[in-house]
Amino acid sequence: ELKNSISAIDFYKRLLKSNQEELNTDLMELNLLRCIFKAGENARLKMRMLKLEQIRLETKPSPKIKNVAAELNRIKSESEKLNETRQTLWKIMEEHATDFIQRTSESSTIISHNHTGEVRYYQIMAYNALGHYQHVWQSMEVLLENESTPDDQRRAWAGARVRVVIDIANRLFDNGKV
């Protein structure tokens, strides 16, 4: 599944670079961000499964596995590659989310407020994963309580706001920062 997501990401990036006027750039970038997020989640799940497999091997080695040390090295190597992939995905997500927000706020592009809320969510998640905590708080402030944001936009962002608060709280709790 991760390979399919990576292929889709490459496809959307090529489409965006082609600058074809008949393409809806906002929609392409939104789909790209969704693919990046999905790929990151797939990598996270795979890393979690590898961690559980590692713990199982360290505590109760299976008699079917002849060389436990080699298997543990394989798991470690695969986890490191997945972590590198996730970091790359977060950087791409940050870049494209920022581009999307700047482009749609500076132009008269017709894009639903729901989509800009969703993109702000992706941007916040990327900032958090990359350790840009000052940007996390600034972006959350815009999404959660900026008084200059029109009422209809704030209402449309309700779902994204809830998602951000829950995800950030979960990540902070998982990392022991609560």
N, C-alpha and C. Protein backbone atom coordinates (compact mmCIF):
# COMPACT_ATOMS: atom_id res chain seq x y z
N GLU A 1 0.81 -1.19 0.00
CA GLU A 1 0.00 0.00 0.00
C GLU A 1 0.86 1.26 0.00
N LEU A 2 1.97 1.24 0.74
CA LEU A 2 2.86 2.39 0.79
C LEU A 2 3.45 2.68 -0.59
N LYS A 3 3.81 1.62 -1.32
CA LYS A 3 4.35 1.80 -2.67
C LYS A 3 3.34 2.47 -3.59
N ASN A 4 2.08 2.07 -3.48
CA ASN A 4 1.03 2.69 -4.30
C ASN A 4 0.86 4.16 -3.96
N SER A 5 0.93 4.49 -2.68
CA SER A 5 0.81 5.89 -2.26
C SER A 5 1.98 6.70 -2.79
N ILE A 6 3.18 6.14 -2.72
CA ILE A 6 4.37 6.84 -3.24
C ILE A 6 4.24 7.08 -4.74
N SER A 7 3.71 6.10 -5.46
CA SER A 7 3.50 6.26 -6.91
C SER A 7 2.49 7.36 -7.18
N ALA A 8 1.42 7.40 -6.39
CA ALA A 8 0.40 8.44 -6.57
C ALA A 8 0.99 9.82 -6.26
N ILE A 9 1.84 9.90 -5.25
CA ILE A 9 2.48 11.17 -4.91
C ILE A 9 3.33 11.65 -6.07
N ASP A 10 4.13 10.76 -6.63
CA ASP A 10 4.97 11.12 -7.79
C ASP A 10 4.11 11.58 -8.96
N PHE A 11 3.00 10.90 -9.19
CA PHE A 11 2.09 11.26 -10.27
C PHE A 11 1.54 12.69 -10.08
N TYR A 12 1.04 12.98 -8.89
CA TYR A 12 0.49 14.31 -8.63
C TYR A 12 1.56 15.40 -8.70
N LYS A 13 2.77 15.09 -8.24
CA LYS A 13 3.85 16.07 -8.32
C LYS A 13 4.19 16.38 -9.78
N ARG A 14 4.20 15.34 -10.62
CA ARG A 14 4.46 15.57 -12.05
C ARG A 14 3.35 16.40 -12.68
N LEU A 15 2.11 16.11 -12.32
CA LEU A 15 0.98 16.89 -12.84
C LEU A 15 1.10 18.36 -12.44
N LEU A 16 1.46 18.60 -11.20
CA LEU A 16 1.59 19.99 -10.74
C LEU A 16 2.72 20.72 -11.45
N LYS A 17 3.81 20.01 -11.74
CA LYS A 17 4.94 20.63 -12.43
C LYS A 17 4.63 20.92 -13.89
N SER A 18 3.67 20.20 -14.46
CA SER A 18 3.37 20.37 -15.88
C SER A 18 2.72 21.72 -16.19
N ASN A 19 2.15 22.38 -15.17
CA ASN A 19 1.53 23.70 -15.32
C ASN A 19 0.52 23.77 -16.46
N GLN A 20 -0.23 22.73 -16.65
CA GLN A 20 -1.25 22.73 -17.69
C GLN A 20 -2.44 23.55 -17.20
N GLU A 21 -2.86 24.49 -18.01
CA GLU A 21 -3.93 25.41 -17.62
C GLU A 21 -5.27 24.72 -17.38
N GLU A 22 -5.51 23.62 -18.08
CA GLU A 22 -6.81 22.96 -17.93
C GLU A 22 -6.91 22.16 -16.62
N LEU A 23 -5.80 22.00 -15.91
CA LEU A 23 -5.83 21.28 -14.64
C LEU A 23 -6.18 22.23 -13.49
N ASN A 24 -6.96 21.75 -12.56
CA ASN A 24 -7.28 22.51 -11.36
C ASN A 24 -6.15 22.28 -10.36
N THR A 25 -5.24 23.23 -10.29
CA THR A 25 -4.05 23.10 -9.46
C THR A 25 -4.41 22.88 -7.99
N ASP A 26 -5.43 23.59 -7.52
CA ASP A 26 -5.83 23.43 -6.12
C ASP A 26 -6.28 22.00 -5.83
N LEU A 27 -7.07 21.46 -6.73
CA LEU A 27 -7.56 20.09 -6.54
C LEU A 27 -6.41 19.08 -6.63
N MET A 28 -5.49 19.29 -7.56
CA MET A 28 -4.34 18.40 -7.69
C MET A 28 -3.48 18.43 -6.42
N GLU A 29 -3.26 19.64 -5.91
CA GLU A 29 -2.43 19.76 -4.71
C GLU A 29 -3.14 19.18 -3.50
N LEU A 30 -4.45 19.35 -3.43
CA LEU A 30 -5.23 18.76 -2.33
C LEU A 30 -5.13 17.23 -2.38
N ASN A 31 -5.26 16.66 -3.57
CA ASN A 31 -5.11 15.21 -3.71
C ASN A 31 -3.69 14.75 -3.38
N LEU A 32 -2.72 15.53 -3.76
CA LEU A 32 -1.33 15.23 -3.41
C LEU A 32 -1.16 15.20 -1.90
N LEU A 33 -1.69 16.21 -1.21
CA LEU A 33 -1.58 16.26 0.25
C LEU A 33 -2.27 15.07 0.90
N ARG A 34 -3.40 14.68 0.38
CA ARG A 34 -4.11 13.52 0.92
C ARG A 34 -3.29 12.25 0.73
N CYS A 35 -2.65 12.12 -0.42
CA CYS A 35 -1.80 10.94 -0.68
C CYS A 35 -0.59 10.93 0.26
N ILE A 36 0.01 12.09 0.45
CA ILE A 36 1.17 12.17 1.33
C ILE A 36 0.77 11.78 2.75
N PHE A 37 -0.36 12.30 3.20
CA PHE A 37 -0.81 11.99 4.55
C PHE A 37 -1.09 10.50 4.69
N LYS A 38 -1.75 9.92 3.69
CA LYS A 38 -2.08 8.49 3.72
C LYS A 38 -0.79 7.66 3.72
N ALA A 39 0.19 8.05 2.90
CA ALA A 39 1.46 7.33 2.86
C ALA A 39 2.17 7.41 4.21
N GLY A 40 2.14 8.58 4.83
CA GLY A 40 2.75 8.74 6.15
C GLY A 40 2.08 7.86 7.20
N GLU A 41 0.75 7.77 7.13
CA GLU A 41 0.03 6.91 8.07
C GLU A 41 0.34 5.43 7.81
N ASN A 42 0.42 5.06 6.54
CA ASN A 42 0.78 3.67 6.21
C ASN A 42 2.18 3.33 6.74
N ALA A 43 3.12 4.26 6.58
CA ALA A 43 4.47 4.03 7.08
C ALA A 43 4.47 3.94 8.60
N ARG A 44 3.69 4.79 9.26
CA ARG A 44 3.61 4.76 10.73
C ARG A 44 3.06 3.42 11.21
N LEU A 45 2.01 2.93 10.55
CA LEU A 45 1.44 1.64 10.93
C LEU A 45 2.43 0.50 10.72
N LYS A 46 3.14 0.57 9.61
CA LYS A 46 4.13 -0.48 9.31
C LYS A 46 5.26 -0.44 10.35
N MET A 47 5.67 0.77 10.74
CA MET A 47 6.71 0.90 11.76
C MET A 47 6.22 0.34 13.10
N ARG A 48 4.96 0.58 13.41
CA ARG A 48 4.38 0.05 14.65
C ARG A 48 4.38 -1.48 14.63
N MET A 49 4.02 -2.05 13.49
CA MET A 49 4.02 -3.52 13.37
C MET A 49 5.43 -4.07 13.53
N LEU A 50 6.40 -3.39 12.95
CA LEU A 50 7.79 -3.83 13.09
C LEU A 50 8.25 -3.74 14.55
N LYS A 51 7.85 -2.68 15.23
CA LYS A 51 8.21 -2.53 16.65
C LYS A 51 7.61 -3.66 17.48
N LEU A 52 6.36 -4.01 17.22
CA LEU A 52 5.73 -5.12 17.94
C LEU A 52 6.43 -6.44 17.63
N GLU A 53 6.83 -6.62 16.38
CA GLU A 53 7.56 -7.84 16.00
C GLU A 53 8.91 -7.89 16.70
N GLN A 54 9.57 -6.73 16.80
CA GLN A 54 10.86 -6.66 17.49
C GLN A 54 10.70 -7.03 18.97
N ILE A 55 9.70 -6.47 19.61
CA ILE A 55 9.45 -6.76 21.03
C ILE A 55 9.17 -8.24 21.22
N ARG A 56 8.37 -8.80 20.33
CA ARG A 56 8.04 -10.22 20.42
C ARG A 56 9.30 -11.07 20.27
N LEU A 57 10.16 -10.71 19.32
CA LEU A 57 11.40 -11.47 19.12
C LEU A 57 12.35 -11.34 20.31
N GLU A 58 12.39 -10.17 20.91
CA GLU A 58 13.29 -9.95 22.04
C GLU A 58 12.80 -10.65 23.31
N THR A 59 11.49 -10.77 23.46
CA THR A 59 10.96 -11.37 24.69
C THR A 59 10.67 -12.86 24.56
N LYS A 60 10.20 -13.27 23.40
CA LYS A 60 9.81 -14.67 23.19
C LYS A 60 10.19 -15.08 21.77
N PRO A 61 11.47 -15.36 21.53
CA PRO A 61 11.88 -15.73 20.16
C PRO A 61 11.16 -16.98 19.67
N SER A 62 10.79 -16.93 18.43
CA SER A 62 10.12 -18.07 17.81
C SER A 62 11.15 -19.13 17.44
N PRO A 63 10.83 -20.40 17.68
CA PRO A 63 11.76 -21.47 17.29
C PRO A 63 11.89 -21.57 15.76
N LYS A 64 10.96 -21.00 15.03
CA LYS A 64 11.01 -21.04 13.57
C LYS A 64 12.10 -20.13 13.01
N ILE A 65 12.47 -19.11 13.77
CA ILE A 65 13.48 -18.15 13.32
C ILE A 65 14.85 -18.62 13.81
N LYS A 66 15.69 -18.99 12.87
CA LYS A 66 16.99 -19.57 13.21
C LYS A 66 17.99 -18.51 13.70
N ASN A 67 17.98 -17.34 13.06
CA ASN A 67 18.94 -16.30 13.42
C ASN A 67 18.18 -15.06 13.89
N VAL A 68 17.92 -14.99 15.19
CA VAL A 68 17.14 -13.89 15.76
C VAL A 68 17.86 -12.55 15.58
N ALA A 69 19.17 -12.56 15.75
CA ALA A 69 19.95 -11.32 15.62
C ALA A 69 19.83 -10.75 14.20
N ALA A 70 19.90 -11.61 13.21
CA ALA A 70 19.77 -11.16 11.82
C ALA A 70 18.37 -10.60 11.56
N GLU A 71 17.37 -11.24 12.12
CA GLU A 71 15.99 -10.77 11.96
C GLU A 71 15.79 -9.42 12.65
N LEU A 72 16.38 -9.27 13.82
CA LEU A 72 16.29 -7.98 14.53
C LEU A 72 17.00 -6.87 13.74
N ASN A 73 18.12 -7.20 13.11
CA ASN A 73 18.82 -6.22 12.26
C ASN A 73 17.98 -5.84 11.05
N ARG A 74 17.30 -6.82 10.48
CA ARG A 74 16.42 -6.54 9.33
C ARG A 74 15.29 -5.60 9.75
N ILE A 75 14.71 -5.87 10.90
CA ILE A 75 13.63 -5.02 11.41
C ILE A 75 14.14 -3.61 11.66
N LYS A 76 15.31 -3.50 12.26
CA LYS A 76 15.89 -2.18 12.54
C LYS A 76 16.15 -1.41 11.25
N SER A 77 16.71 -2.09 10.27
CA SER A 77 17.02 -1.46 8.99
C SER A 77 15.74 -0.99 8.28
N GLU A 78 14.73 -1.84 8.27
CA GLU A 78 13.46 -1.49 7.63
C GLU A 78 12.79 -0.33 8.36
N SER A 79 12.87 -0.31 9.67
CA SER A 79 12.29 0.79 10.46
C SER A 79 13.00 2.11 10.16
N GLU A 80 14.31 2.07 10.04
CA GLU A 80 15.07 3.28 9.73
C GLU A 80 14.70 3.82 8.36
N LYS A 81 14.55 2.93 7.38
CA LYS A 81 14.14 3.36 6.02
C LYS A 81 12.75 3.99 6.05
N LEU A 82 11.84 3.36 6.78
CA LEU A 82 10.49 3.90 6.89
C LEU A 82 10.48 5.26 7.58
N ASN A 83 11.31 5.42 8.60
CA ASN A 83 11.41 6.70 9.29
C ASN A 83 11.94 7.79 8.35
N GLU A 84 12.94 7.45 7.56
CA GLU A 84 13.47 8.41 6.57
C GLU A 84 12.41 8.77 5.54
N THR A 85 11.65 7.78 5.10
CA THR A 85 10.56 8.02 4.15
C THR A 85 9.54 8.97 4.76
N ARG A 86 9.17 8.73 6.01
CA ARG A 86 8.19 9.60 6.68
C ARG A 86 8.71 11.03 6.79
N GLN A 87 9.98 11.20 7.12
CA GLN A 87 10.54 12.55 7.24
C GLN A 87 10.49 13.27 5.89
N THR A 88 10.81 12.54 4.83
CA THR A 88 10.73 13.12 3.49
C THR A 88 9.29 13.51 3.15
N LEU A 89 8.36 12.64 3.49
CA LEU A 89 6.94 12.92 3.23
C LEU A 89 6.48 14.16 4.00
N TRP A 90 6.89 14.30 5.25
CA TRP A 90 6.50 15.47 6.04
C TRP A 90 7.03 16.75 5.42
N LYS A 91 8.27 16.71 4.92
CA LYS A 91 8.84 17.91 4.28
C LYS A 91 8.07 18.28 3.02
N ILE A 92 7.72 17.28 2.22
CA ILE A 92 6.93 17.53 1.01
C ILE A 92 5.56 18.08 1.39
N MET A 93 4.96 17.51 2.42
CA MET A 93 3.65 17.96 2.87
C MET A 93 3.70 19.41 3.33
N GLU A 94 4.70 19.74 4.12
CA GLU A 94 4.84 21.12 4.60
C GLU A 94 4.95 22.09 3.42
N GLU A 95 5.78 21.75 2.46
CA GLU A 95 6.00 22.61 1.30
C GLU A 95 4.70 22.82 0.50
N HIS A 96 4.01 21.75 0.21
CA HIS A 96 2.81 21.84 -0.62
C HIS A 96 1.63 22.47 0.12
N ALA A 97 1.52 22.20 1.41
CA ALA A 97 0.44 22.83 2.19
C ALA A 97 0.66 24.33 2.26
N THR A 98 1.89 24.75 2.49
CA THR A 98 2.21 26.17 2.54
C THR A 98 1.93 26.83 1.19
N ASP A 99 2.35 26.18 0.10
CA ASP A 99 2.08 26.71 -1.24
C ASP A 99 0.57 26.86 -1.48
N PHE A 100 -0.17 25.83 -1.10
CA PHE A 100 -1.62 25.83 -1.30
C PHE A 100 -2.26 26.99 -0.53
N ILE A 101 -1.89 27.16 0.73
CA ILE A 101 -2.49 28.21 1.56
C ILE A 101 -2.13 29.58 1.03
N GLN A 102 -0.88 29.79 0.63
CA GLN A 102 -0.47 31.09 0.10
C GLN A 102 -1.18 31.39 -1.22
N ARG A 103 -1.24 30.40 -2.09
CA ARG A 103 -1.86 30.60 -3.40
C ARG A 103 -3.35 30.91 -3.27
N THR A 104 -4.06 30.16 -2.43
CA THR A 104 -5.50 30.35 -2.33
C THR A 104 -5.85 31.61 -1.55
N SER A 105 -4.97 32.06 -0.65
CA SER A 105 -5.27 33.28 0.10
C SER A 105 -4.93 34.53 -0.70
N GLU A 106 -3.98 34.44 -1.62
CA GLU A 106 -3.55 35.59 -2.40
C GLU A 106 -4.33 35.76 -3.70
N SER A 107 -5.06 34.74 -4.09
CA SER A 107 -5.77 34.82 -5.36
C SER A 107 -7.27 34.77 -5.12
N SER A 108 -8.00 34.86 -6.18
CA SER A 108 -9.46 34.76 -6.08
C SER A 108 -9.91 33.34 -6.39
N THR A 109 -9.05 32.39 -6.05
CA THR A 109 -9.35 31.00 -6.31
C THR A 109 -10.58 30.58 -5.54
N ILE A 110 -11.47 29.86 -6.21
CA ILE A 110 -12.66 29.35 -5.55
C ILE A 110 -12.34 27.96 -5.03
N ILE A 111 -12.09 27.92 -3.76
CA ILE A 111 -11.81 26.64 -3.09
C ILE A 111 -12.61 26.67 -1.80
N SER A 112 -13.23 25.58 -1.46
CA SER A 112 -14.10 25.59 -0.29
C SER A 112 -13.30 25.81 0.98
N HIS A 113 -13.95 26.42 1.95
CA HIS A 113 -13.31 26.64 3.24
C HIS A 113 -12.96 25.32 3.90
N ASN A 114 -13.75 24.28 3.64
CA ASN A 114 -13.44 22.96 4.19
C ASN A 114 -12.07 22.49 3.73
N HIS A 115 -11.77 22.73 2.46
CA HIS A 115 -10.49 22.30 1.93
C HIS A 115 -9.34 23.08 2.53
N THR A 116 -9.50 24.38 2.72
CA THR A 116 -8.41 25.14 3.33
C THR A 116 -8.21 24.70 4.78
N GLY A 117 -9.28 24.35 5.48
CA GLY A 117 -9.15 23.82 6.84
C GLY A 117 -8.41 22.50 6.84
N GLU A 118 -8.75 21.64 5.88
CA GLU A 118 -8.07 20.35 5.76
C GLU A 118 -6.59 20.54 5.47
N VAL A 119 -6.26 21.48 4.59
CA VAL A 119 -4.86 21.73 4.24
C VAL A 119 -4.12 22.32 5.43
N ARG A 120 -4.76 23.18 6.19
CA ARG A 120 -4.13 23.71 7.40
C ARG A 120 -3.85 22.57 8.39
N TYR A 121 -4.75 21.61 8.46
CA TYR A 121 -4.53 20.43 9.30
C TYR A 121 -3.26 19.71 8.85
N TYR A 122 -3.12 19.46 7.54
CA TYR A 122 -1.93 18.78 7.03
C TYR A 122 -0.66 19.59 7.33
N GLN A 123 -0.76 20.90 7.19
CA GLN A 123 0.38 21.76 7.46
C GLN A 123 0.79 21.66 8.94
N ILE A 124 -0.19 21.69 9.83
CA ILE A 124 0.10 21.59 11.26
C ILE A 124 0.73 20.24 11.59
N MET A 125 0.22 19.17 11.00
CA MET A 125 0.77 17.85 11.27
C MET A 125 2.22 17.77 10.77
N ALA A 126 2.50 18.37 9.62
CA ALA A 126 3.86 18.38 9.08
C ALA A 126 4.79 19.19 9.98
N TYR A 127 4.34 20.38 10.38
CA TYR A 127 5.14 21.20 11.29
C TYR A 127 5.46 20.42 12.56
N ASN A 128 4.47 19.76 13.12
CA ASN A 128 4.67 19.02 14.36
C ASN A 128 5.67 17.88 14.17
N ALA A 129 5.52 17.12 13.10
CA ALA A 129 6.42 15.99 12.84
C ALA A 129 7.85 16.44 12.59
N LEU A 130 8.01 17.62 12.01
CA LEU A 130 9.34 18.14 11.71
C LEU A 130 9.94 18.93 12.87
N GLY A 131 9.18 19.06 13.95
CA GLY A 131 9.69 19.75 15.13
C GLY A 131 9.62 21.27 15.05
N HIS A 132 8.80 21.81 14.16
CA HIS A 132 8.63 23.26 14.03
C HIS A 132 7.47 23.70 14.94
N TYR A 133 7.71 23.61 16.24
CA TYR A 133 6.62 23.79 17.20
C TYR A 133 6.07 25.21 17.23
N GLN A 134 6.91 26.21 16.96
CA GLN A 134 6.42 27.60 16.91
C GLN A 134 5.40 27.74 15.79
N HIS A 135 5.69 27.11 14.65
CA HIS A 135 4.74 27.15 13.53
C HIS A 135 3.46 26.39 13.86
N VAL A 136 3.60 25.31 14.62
CA VAL A 136 2.42 24.53 15.02
C VAL A 136 1.47 25.44 15.77
N TRP A 137 1.98 26.15 16.78
CA TRP A 137 1.11 26.99 17.61
C TRP A 137 0.54 28.15 16.83
N GLN A 138 1.35 28.75 15.95
CA GLN A 138 0.84 29.86 15.13
C GLN A 138 -0.27 29.38 14.20
N SER A 139 -0.05 28.25 13.56
CA SER A 139 -1.05 27.71 12.63
C SER A 139 -2.31 27.27 13.36
N MET A 140 -2.12 26.70 14.53
CA MET A 140 -3.29 26.29 15.32
C MET A 140 -4.10 27.51 15.74
N GLU A 141 -3.41 28.59 16.07
CA GLU A 141 -4.11 29.81 16.46
C GLU A 141 -4.96 30.33 15.30
N VAL A 142 -4.41 30.31 14.10
CA VAL A 142 -5.19 30.74 12.93
C VAL A 142 -6.40 29.84 12.76
N LEU A 143 -6.20 28.56 12.86
CA LEU A 143 -7.29 27.61 12.64
C LEU A 143 -8.31 27.63 13.76
N LEU A 144 -7.86 27.82 14.99
CA LEU A 144 -8.76 27.68 16.13
C LEU A 144 -9.45 28.97 16.57
N GLU A 145 -8.71 30.08 16.57
CA GLU A 145 -9.32 31.23 17.23
C GLU A 145 -9.04 32.58 16.60
N ASN A 146 -8.60 32.63 15.40
CA ASN A 146 -8.30 33.91 14.79
C ASN A 146 -9.59 34.68 14.54
N GLU A 147 -9.72 35.82 15.19
CA GLU A 147 -10.94 36.63 15.10
C GLU A 147 -11.12 37.26 13.72
N SER A 148 -10.04 37.40 12.96
CA SER A 148 -10.16 38.00 11.64
C SER A 148 -10.70 37.01 10.60
N THR A 149 -10.78 35.74 10.96
CA THR A 149 -11.32 34.73 10.05
C THR A 149 -12.84 34.89 9.98
N PRO A 150 -13.40 34.97 8.78
CA PRO A 150 -14.86 35.12 8.65
C PRO A 150 -15.61 33.96 9.31
N ASP A 151 -16.82 34.26 9.80
CA ASP A 151 -17.62 33.26 10.52
C ASP A 151 -17.88 32.00 9.69
N ASP A 152 -18.21 32.17 8.39
CA ASP A 152 -18.50 30.99 7.57
C ASP A 152 -17.28 30.10 7.43
N GLN A 153 -16.11 30.72 7.36
CA GLN A 153 -14.88 29.94 7.26
C GLN A 153 -14.60 29.23 8.59
N ARG A 154 -14.81 29.91 9.69
CA ARG A 154 -14.60 29.27 11.00
C ARG A 154 -15.55 28.09 11.19
N ARG A 155 -16.78 28.23 10.75
CA ARG A 155 -17.74 27.12 10.85
C ARG A 155 -17.29 25.96 9.98
N ALA A 156 -16.81 26.27 8.78
CA ALA A 156 -16.36 25.22 7.86
C ALA A 156 -15.13 24.49 8.40
N TRP A 157 -14.35 25.17 9.19
CA TRP A 157 -13.13 24.58 9.73
C TRP A 157 -13.37 23.78 11.00
N ALA A 158 -14.60 23.69 11.45
CA ALA A 158 -14.89 23.00 12.72
C ALA A 158 -14.34 21.58 12.74
N GLY A 159 -14.56 20.84 11.67
CA GLY A 159 -14.06 19.46 11.61
C GLY A 159 -12.55 19.39 11.67
N ALA A 160 -11.89 20.28 10.94
CA ALA A 160 -10.43 20.30 10.94
C ALA A 160 -9.90 20.70 12.32
N ARG A 161 -10.59 21.64 12.97
CA ARG A 161 -10.15 22.07 14.31
C ARG A 161 -10.19 20.91 15.29
N VAL A 162 -11.27 20.17 15.28
CA VAL A 162 -11.39 19.02 16.19
C VAL A 162 -10.31 18.00 15.89
N ARG A 163 -10.10 17.73 14.62
CA ARG A 163 -9.08 16.75 14.21
C ARG A 163 -7.69 17.17 14.67
N VAL A 164 -7.36 18.47 14.52
CA VAL A 164 -6.06 18.98 14.93
C VAL A 164 -5.87 18.83 16.43
N VAL A 165 -6.85 19.27 17.19
CA VAL A 165 -6.72 19.22 18.64
C VAL A 165 -6.53 17.78 19.11
N ILE A 166 -7.32 16.87 18.59
CA ILE A 166 -7.21 15.47 19.00
C ILE A 166 -5.86 14.88 18.59
N ASP A 167 -5.45 15.11 17.34
CA ASP A 167 -4.18 14.54 16.87
C ASP A 167 -2.98 15.12 17.60
N ILE A 168 -2.97 16.42 17.80
CA ILE A 168 -1.84 17.03 18.51
C ILE A 168 -1.80 16.52 19.95
N ALA A 169 -2.95 16.46 20.60
CA ALA A 169 -3.00 15.95 21.98
C ALA A 169 -2.49 14.51 22.04
N ASN A 170 -2.92 13.68 21.09
CA ASN A 170 -2.46 12.29 21.06
C ASN A 170 -0.95 12.21 20.84
N ARG A 171 -0.44 13.01 19.94
CA ARG A 171 1.00 12.96 19.67
C ARG A 171 1.81 13.45 20.86
N LEU A 172 1.33 14.51 21.50
CA LEU A 172 2.02 15.00 22.70
C LEU A 172 1.98 13.96 23.81
N PHE A 173 0.84 13.31 23.97
CA PHE A 173 0.72 12.26 24.99
C PHE A 173 1.66 11.09 24.67
N ASP A 174 1.67 10.65 23.39
CA ASP A 174 2.55 9.55 22.98
C ASP A 174 4.01 9.87 23.22
N ASN A 175 4.38 11.14 23.07
CA ASN A 175 5.76 11.54 23.25
C ASN A 175 6.07 11.96 24.70
N GLY A 176 5.09 11.86 25.58
CA GLY A 176 5.31 12.18 26.99
C GLY A 176 5.46 13.65 27.27
N LYS A 177 4.81 14.52 26.48
CA LYS A 177 4.98 15.95 26.65
C LYS A 177 3.77 16.61 27.29
N VAL A 178 2.87 15.80 27.85
CA VAL A 178 1.68 16.38 28.48
C VAL A 178 1.99 16.71 29.92
